[in-house]
Protein backbone atom coordinates (compact mmCIF):
# COMPACT_ATOMS: atom_id res chain seq x y z
CA MET A 1 -26.13 32.30 2.09
CA GLN A 2 -25.96 30.50 5.52
CA ALA A 3 -26.47 32.02 8.93
CA THR A 4 -27.39 30.92 12.55
CA ALA A 5 -30.67 31.70 14.13
CA TYR A 6 -30.14 34.08 16.91
CA THR A 7 -33.59 35.28 18.11
CA TYR A 8 -37.09 34.27 17.14
CA ASP A 9 -40.52 35.53 18.33
CA PRO A 10 -43.24 33.04 17.47
CA GLU A 11 -46.02 35.67 17.97
CA SER A 12 -44.60 38.06 15.39
CA ARG A 13 -42.74 35.34 13.40
CA SER A 14 -39.74 37.59 13.25
CA GLY A 15 -36.25 37.65 14.64
CA GLN A 16 -32.61 37.94 13.85
CA VAL A 17 -29.97 35.71 12.42
CA LEU A 18 -26.21 35.91 12.81
CA LEU A 19 -24.08 35.98 9.68
CA ASP A 20 -20.90 33.95 9.83
CA ASP A 21 -18.90 37.08 10.49
CA GLY A 22 -21.11 37.76 13.61
CA THR A 23 -23.29 40.52 12.08
CA PRO A 24 -26.90 40.31 13.30
CA VAL A 25 -29.48 40.76 10.58
CA PRO A 26 -33.30 41.09 11.33
CA PHE A 27 -35.95 39.14 9.36
CA ASP A 28 -39.69 39.88 9.30
CA ALA A 29 -42.71 37.57 9.10
CA ALA A 30 -42.77 37.65 5.33
CA ALA A 31 -39.30 36.19 5.13
CA PHE A 32 -40.09 33.59 7.73
CA ASP A 33 -43.38 32.59 6.05
CA ALA A 34 -41.59 32.32 2.64
CA GLY A 35 -39.49 29.48 3.98
CA GLY A 36 -42.45 27.44 5.13
CA LEU A 37 -41.12 26.98 8.65
CA ARG A 38 -43.32 26.56 11.79
CA LEU A 39 -40.71 27.15 14.40
CA LEU A 40 -37.09 28.31 14.70
CA ARG A 41 -34.80 27.73 17.61
CA PRO A 42 -31.70 29.83 18.45
CA GLY A 43 -28.53 28.13 17.19
CA GLN A 44 -30.11 26.37 14.23
CA ARG A 45 -28.24 26.78 10.95
CA VAL A 46 -30.44 28.34 8.37
CA ARG A 47 -30.25 29.29 4.77
CA ILE A 48 -31.30 32.82 3.83
CA GLU A 49 -31.78 34.74 0.66
CA VAL A 50 -31.17 38.46 0.84
CA GLU A 51 -31.49 41.70 -1.16
CA GLY A 52 -29.43 44.79 -0.87
CA VAL A 53 -25.89 45.20 0.68
CA LYS A 54 -24.33 46.12 4.08
CA GLU A 55 -26.65 48.45 6.02
CA ASP A 56 -29.45 47.93 3.46
CA LEU A 57 -29.35 44.13 3.67
CA ARG A 58 -32.83 42.61 3.89
CA ILE A 59 -33.69 38.93 4.35
CA THR A 60 -36.34 37.73 1.93
CA LEU A 61 -36.42 33.97 2.88
CA VAL A 62 -35.43 31.96 5.97
CA THR A 63 -35.38 28.10 5.68
CA LEU A 64 -33.45 25.30 7.38
CA GLN A 65 -29.97 24.51 6.06
CA THR A 66 -29.92 21.01 4.59
CA LEU A 67 -26.96 19.08 3.20
């Protein structure tokens, strides 16, 4: 699944992404660390892996979107 980085706090390594429908979904340090990233800037396209649905959606991985 693809999304756009919305917020990122380098101290906590957590933030939010926006799904393509505009829905904000938070991610925690574990999801950020799983992707091997060092930094994330708002507006970057990212690939995410998720568990759950709708209100129980949880991001398990955030990494950069590559072609």
